Amino acid sequence: MRFQELPRPEFAGGELRYIFDTSSCYVPGFSQEGDRFALSLSPVAMPRQHVDYITRIYDPRLIEPRVVTLIDNAGERVGYLELAREHDGRIARITNLLVEDGYRRRGYGSLLISRARTMAKADGAGSLRAYVSGINAGAVRFLLGQGMSLVGFSTYEDELMLELGMKV
């Protein structure tokens, strides 16, 4: 296994294609007691859907994005990670995290998260953040399993904000 950084001049505007099937989604909620509130996630069953979503890497709106690919021992690209900066570098944002179909559930996603943590710490970030659609239940479960917690959500964009605090 090895990681390889993808040079921006060569790969800017390149596409990543996310394909997944889902039969559930995560719905955020909150409760309030006095001046305290708590966020929660609830899984909700839904009719099975096939989702095919395309995104671009090195989006010009991102702050100092870096993209790495995970290459397996056979030389195949099995995953991608794009990390950018938020809030003056205090937060590292995972803007893309993809394990290719056919390579999932083999630990490659955990390797990519580990690499994200290493890169974020090296840049002095205190936390790692990801925004993910609640309909991508597999990704939400994976990120929660990696130690991330729900810290916010947008009903406008149907995105959950998950974050992992790190000691720098």
C-alpha atoms as a PDB file:
ATOM      1  CA  MET A   1       0.000   0.000   0.000  1.00  0.00           C
ATOM      2  CA  ARG A   2       1.140   3.494  -0.688  1.00  0.00           C
ATOM      3  CA  PHE A   3      -0.261   6.994  -0.944  1.00  0.00           C
ATOM      4  CA  GLN A   4       0.480   9.237  -3.890  1.00  0.00           C
ATOM      5  CA  GLU A   5      -0.334  12.934  -4.055  1.00  0.00           C
ATOM      6  CA  LEU A   6      -2.091  13.959  -7.263  1.00  0.00           C
ATOM      7  CA  PRO A   7      -0.520  17.153  -8.661  1.00  0.00           C
ATOM      8  CA  ARG A   8      -2.996  20.008  -8.898  1.00  0.00           C
ATOM      9  CA  PRO A   9      -1.977  21.258 -12.369  1.00  0.00           C
ATOM     10  CA  GLU A  10      -2.559  17.828 -13.867  1.00  0.00           C
ATOM     11  CA  PHE A  11      -5.690  16.788 -11.966  1.00  0.00           C
ATOM     12  CA  ALA A  12      -7.587  20.053 -11.297  1.00  0.00           C
ATOM     13  CA  GLY A  13     -11.193  19.620 -12.385  1.00  0.00           C
ATOM     14  CA  GLY A  14     -10.912  15.830 -12.445  1.00  0.00           C
ATOM     15  CA  GLU A  15     -14.029  13.907 -11.519  1.00  0.00           C
ATOM     16  CA  LEU A  16     -14.758  11.394  -8.789  1.00  0.00           C
ATOM     17  CA  ARG A  17     -17.854   9.274  -9.144  1.00  0.00           C
ATOM     18  CA  TYR A  18     -19.663   8.069  -6.023  1.00  0.00           C
ATOM     19  CA  ILE A  19     -21.964   5.113  -6.597  1.00  0.00           C
ATOM     20  CA  PHE A  20     -23.901   3.540  -3.748  1.00  0.00           C
ATOM     21  CA  ASP A  21     -27.170   1.812  -2.959  1.00  0.00           C
ATOM     22  CA  THR A  22     -29.163   2.781   0.091  1.00  0.00           C
ATOM     23  CA  SER A  23     -32.335   1.725   1.817  1.00  0.00           C
ATOM     24  CA  SER A  24     -32.024   4.065   4.781  1.00  0.00           C
ATOM     25  CA  CYS A  25     -30.970   7.585   5.607  1.00  0.00           C
ATOM     26  CA  TYR A  26     -29.923   9.479   8.706  1.00  0.00           C
ATOM     27  CA  VAL A  27     -32.152  12.281   9.917  1.00  0.00           C
ATOM     28  CA  PRO A  28     -30.703  14.841  12.328  1.00  0.00           C
ATOM     29  CA  GLY A  29     -32.610  16.153  15.297  1.00  0.00           C
ATOM     30  CA  PHE A  30     -32.015  18.213  18.372  1.00  0.00           C
ATOM     31  CA  SER A  31     -33.462  18.616  21.790  1.00  0.00           C
ATOM     32  CA  GLN A  32     -33.214  21.532  24.170  1.00  0.00           C
ATOM     33  CA  GLU A  33     -33.307  21.710  27.917  1.00  0.00           C
ATOM     34  CA  GLY A  34     -32.862  25.224  29.269  1.00  0.00           C
ATOM     35  CA  ASP A  35     -29.806  26.763  27.612  1.00  0.00           C
ATOM     36  CA  ARG A  36     -28.365  23.362  26.642  1.00  0.00           C
ATOM     37  CA  PHE A  37     -29.122  21.413  23.507  1.00  0.00           C
ATOM     38  CA  ALA A  38     -28.110  18.075  22.063  1.00  0.00           C
ATOM     39  CA  LEU A  39     -27.856  16.846  18.479  1.00  0.00           C
ATOM     40  CA  SER A  40     -28.821  13.335  17.503  1.00  0.00           C
ATOM     41  CA  LEU A  41     -29.032  11.109  14.435  1.00  0.00           C
ATOM     42  CA  SER A  42     -31.830   8.669  13.725  1.00  0.00           C
ATOM     43  CA  PRO A  43     -31.704   6.038  10.979  1.00  0.00           C
ATOM     44  CA  VAL A  44     -34.888   5.958   8.917  1.00  0.00           C
ATOM     45  CA  ALA A  45     -35.858   3.234   6.435  1.00  0.00           C
ATOM     46  CA  MET A  46     -36.680   4.319   2.898  1.00  0.00           C
ATOM     47  CA  PRO A  47     -37.299   2.648  -0.458  1.00  0.00           C
ATOM     48  CA  ARG A  48     -34.072   1.251  -1.930  1.00  0.00           C
ATOM     49  CA  GLN A  49     -32.278   3.739  -4.187  1.00  0.00           C
ATOM     50  CA  HIS A  50     -29.254   3.610  -6.459  1.00  0.00           C
ATOM     51  CA  VAL A  51     -27.297   6.875  -6.228  1.00  0.00           C
ATOM     52  CA  ASP A  52     -24.744   7.972  -8.814  1.00  0.00           C
ATOM     53  CA  TYR A  53     -23.070  11.272  -7.897  1.00  0.00           C
ATOM     54  CA  ILE A  54     -20.147  13.022  -9.614  1.00  0.00           C
ATOM     55  CA  THR A  55     -17.945  15.630  -7.950  1.00  0.00           C
ATOM     56  CA  ARG A  56     -14.786  17.458  -9.011  1.00  0.00           C
ATOM     57  CA  ILE A  57     -11.451  17.559  -7.224  1.00  0.00           C
ATOM     58  CA  TYR A  58      -9.357  20.686  -6.680  1.00  0.00           C
ATOM     59  CA  ASP A  59     -12.440  22.921  -6.764  1.00  0.00           C
ATOM     60  CA  PRO A  60     -11.124  26.512  -7.013  1.00  0.00           C
ATOM     61  CA  ARG A  61     -13.337  27.549  -4.070  1.00  0.00           C
ATOM     62  CA  LEU A  62     -11.360  25.330  -1.681  1.00  0.00           C
ATOM     63  CA  ILE A  63      -8.531  26.662   0.478  1.00  0.00           C
ATOM     64  CA  GLU A  64      -5.254  24.850  -0.156  1.00  0.00           C
ATOM     65  CA  PRO A  65      -6.733  21.526  -1.261  1.00  0.00           C
ATOM     66  CA  ARG A  66      -4.554  18.419  -1.465  1.00  0.00           C
ATOM     67  CA  VAL A  67      -5.565  15.152  -3.085  1.00  0.00           C
ATOM     68  CA  VAL A  68      -3.984  11.784  -2.427  1.00  0.00           C
ATOM     69  CA  THR A  69      -4.810   8.407  -3.871  1.00  0.00           C
ATOM     70  CA  LEU A  70      -4.362   5.065  -2.145  1.00  0.00           C
ATOM     71  CA  ILE A  71      -2.671   2.495  -4.351  1.00  0.00           C
ATOM     72  CA  ASP A  72      -2.832  -1.176  -3.421  1.00  0.00           C
ATOM     73  CA  ASN A  73      -0.030  -3.707  -3.767  1.00  0.00           C
ATOM     74  CA  ALA A  74      -1.187  -4.617  -7.288  1.00  0.00           C
ATOM     75  CA  GLY A  75      -0.798  -0.977  -8.388  1.00  0.00           C
ATOM     76  CA  GLU A  76      -4.540  -0.239  -8.535  1.00  0.00           C
ATOM     77  CA  ARG A  77      -5.981   3.053  -7.290  1.00  0.00           C
ATOM     78  CA  VAL A  78      -8.473   1.941  -4.682  1.00  0.00           C
ATOM     79  CA  GLY A  79      -9.328   5.211  -2.936  1.00  0.00           C
ATOM     80  CA  TYR A  80      -9.081   8.990  -2.929  1.00  0.00           C
ATOM     81  CA  LEU A  81      -8.877  11.637  -0.249  1.00  0.00           C
ATOM     82  CA  GLU A  82      -9.158  15.402  -0.751  1.00  0.00           C
ATOM     83  CA  LEU A  83      -8.389  17.591   2.225  1.00  0.00           C
ATOM     84  CA  ALA A  84      -8.781  21.385   2.377  1.00  0.00           C
ATOM     85  CA  ARG A  85      -8.486  24.028   5.090  1.00  0.00           C
ATOM     86  CA  GLU A  86     -11.258  25.874   6.941  1.00  0.00           C
ATOM     87  CA  HIS A  87     -11.208  28.657   9.525  1.00  0.00           C
ATOM     88  CA  ASP A  88      -7.594  29.769   9.158  1.00  0.00           C
ATOM     89  CA  GLY A  89      -6.362  26.183   9.148  1.00  0.00           C
ATOM     90  CA  ARG A  90      -7.795  25.238  12.530  1.00  0.00           C
ATOM     91  CA  ILE A  91     -10.082  22.740  10.830  1.00  0.00           C
ATOM     92  CA  ALA A  92      -9.103  20.307   8.086  1.00  0.00           C
ATOM     93  CA  ARG A  93     -12.070  19.485   5.885  1.00  0.00           C
ATOM     94  CA  ILE A  94     -12.453  16.216   4.063  1.00  0.00           C
ATOM     95  CA  THR A  95     -13.984  17.419   0.812  1.00  0.00           C
ATOM     96  CA  ASN A  96     -13.828  14.037  -0.911  1.00  0.00           C
ATOM     97  CA  LEU A  97     -13.346  10.545   0.471  1.00  0.00           C
ATOM     98  CA  LEU A  98     -13.950   7.679  -1.893  1.00  0.00           C
ATOM     99  CA  VAL A  99     -13.144   3.992  -1.894  1.00  0.00           C
ATOM    100  CA  GLU A 100     -13.795   2.535  -5.325  1.00  0.00           C
ATOM    101  CA  ASP A 101     -16.702   0.138  -5.696  1.00  0.00           C
ATOM    102  CA  GLY A 102     -15.384  -3.402  -5.369  1.00  0.00           C
ATOM    103  CA  TYR A 103     -12.724  -2.376  -2.833  1.00  0.00           C
ATOM    104  CA  ARG A 104     -15.037  -1.338  -0.016  1.00  0.00           C
ATOM    105  CA  ARG A 105     -15.147  -3.090   3.382  1.00  0.00           C
ATOM    106  CA  ARG A 106     -11.465  -4.020   3.209  1.00  0.00           C
ATOM    107  CA  GLY A 107     -10.024  -1.341   5.506  1.00  0.00           C
ATOM    108  CA  TYR A 108      -9.072   1.133   2.772  1.00  0.00           C
ATOM    109  CA  GLY A 109     -11.442   3.797   4.108  1.00  0.00           C
ATOM    110  CA  SER A 110      -9.821   3.532   7.545  1.00  0.00           C
ATOM    111  CA  LEU A 111      -6.405   3.979   5.922  1.00  0.00           C
ATOM    112  CA  LEU A 112      -7.668   7.114   4.156  1.00  0.00           C
ATOM    113  CA  ILE A 113      -9.057   8.545   7.420  1.00  0.00           C
ATOM    114  CA  SER A 114      -5.750   7.788   9.120  1.00  0.00           C
ATOM    115  CA  ARG A 115      -3.951   9.638   6.329  1.00  0.00           C
ATOM    116  CA  ALA A 116      -6.375  12.569   6.690  1.00  0.00           C
ATOM    117  CA  ARG A 117      -5.568  12.762  10.414  1.00  0.00           C
ATOM    118  CA  THR A 118      -1.832  12.682   9.718  1.00  0.00           C
ATOM    119  CA  MET A 119      -2.091  15.416   7.083  1.00  0.00           C
ATOM    120  CA  ALA A 120      -4.350  17.555   9.293  1.00  0.00           C
ATOM    121  CA  LYS A 121      -2.042  17.273  12.302  1.00  0.00           C
ATOM    122  CA  ALA A 122       0.985  18.111  10.158  1.00  0.00           C
ATOM    123  CA  ASP A 123      -0.835  21.283   9.047  1.00  0.00           C
ATOM    124  CA  GLY A 124      -1.652  22.211  12.665  1.00  0.00           C
ATOM    125  CA  ALA A 125      -5.401  21.585  12.475  1.00  0.00           C
ATOM    126  CA  GLY A 126      -7.208  20.834  15.729  1.00  0.00           C
ATOM    127  CA  SER A 127     -10.081  18.913  14.157  1.00  0.00           C
ATOM    128  CA  LEU A 128     -11.078  16.993  11.081  1.00  0.00           C
ATOM    129  CA  ARG A 129     -14.482  17.740   9.542  1.00  0.00           C
ATOM    130  CA  ALA A 130     -16.624  16.072   6.885  1.00  0.00           C
ATOM    131  CA  TYR A 131     -19.935  17.058   5.352  1.00  0.00           C
ATOM    132  CA  VAL A 132     -22.013  14.141   4.120  1.00  0.00           C
ATOM    133  CA  SER A 133     -25.542  13.686   2.859  1.00  0.00           C
ATOM    134  CA  GLY A 134     -27.831  11.879   5.262  1.00  0.00           C
ATOM    135  CA  ILE A 135     -28.948   9.671   2.374  1.00  0.00           C
ATOM    136  CA  ASN A 136     -25.430   8.201   2.156  1.00  0.00           C
ATOM    137  CA  ALA A 137     -26.097   5.985   5.164  1.00  0.00           C
ATOM    138  CA  GLY A 138     -23.020   3.827   4.578  1.00  0.00           C
ATOM    139  CA  ALA A 139     -20.723   6.855   4.644  1.00  0.00           C
ATOM    140  CA  VAL A 140     -22.415   8.246   7.763  1.00  0.00           C
ATOM    141  CA  ARG A 141     -22.044   4.900   9.578  1.00  0.00           C
ATOM    142  CA  PHE A 142     -18.407   4.651   8.464  1.00  0.00           C
ATOM    143  CA  LEU A 143     -17.488   8.161   9.662  1.00  0.00           C
ATOM    144  CA  LEU A 144     -19.269   7.662  12.987  1.00  0.00           C
ATOM    145  CA  GLY A 145     -17.363   4.397  13.354  1.00  0.00           C
ATOM    146  CA  GLN A 146     -14.117   6.308  12.798  1.00  0.00           C
ATOM    147  CA  GLY A 147     -14.866   8.403  15.889  1.00  0.00           C
ATOM    148  CA  MET A 148     -16.552  11.388  14.264  1.00  0.00           C
ATOM    149  CA  SER A 149     -19.525  13.036  15.981  1.00  0.00           C
ATOM    150  CA  LEU A 150     -22.449  15.038  14.668  1.00  0.00           C
ATOM    151  CA  VAL A 151     -21.727  18.723  15.305  1.00  0.00           C
ATOM    152  CA  GLY A 152     -24.214  20.353  12.943  1.00  0.00           C
ATOM    153  CA  PHE A 153     -26.440  19.977   9.911  1.00  0.00           C
ATOM    154  CA  SER A 154     -27.914  21.952   7.047  1.00  0.00           C
ATOM    155  CA  THR A 155     -31.515  21.314   6.122  1.00  0.00           C
ATOM    156  CA  TYR A 156     -31.008  23.501   3.048  1.00  0.00           C
ATOM    157  CA  GLU A 157     -28.279  21.296   1.565  1.00  0.00           C
ATOM    158  CA  ASP A 158     -29.353  18.087   3.336  1.00  0.00           C
ATOM    159  CA  GLU A 159     -25.862  17.660   4.765  1.00  0.00           C
ATOM    160  CA  LEU A 160     -24.656  16.440   8.114  1.00  0.00           C
ATOM    161  CA  MET A 161     -21.519  17.983   9.617  1.00  0.00           C
ATOM    162  CA  LEU A 162     -19.385  15.368  11.339  1.00  0.00           C
ATOM    163  CA  GLU A 163     -16.191  16.205  13.186  1.00  0.00           C
ATOM    164  CA  LEU A 164     -13.298  14.493  14.922  1.00  0.00           C
ATOM    165  CA  GLY A 165     -11.327  16.478  17.493  1.00  0.00           C
ATOM    166  CA  MET A 166      -7.585  15.817  17.493  1.00  0.00           C
ATOM    167  CA  LYS A 167      -4.735  16.631  19.814  1.00  0.00           C
ATOM    168  CA  VAL A 168      -2.139  18.470  17.783  1.00  0.00           C
END
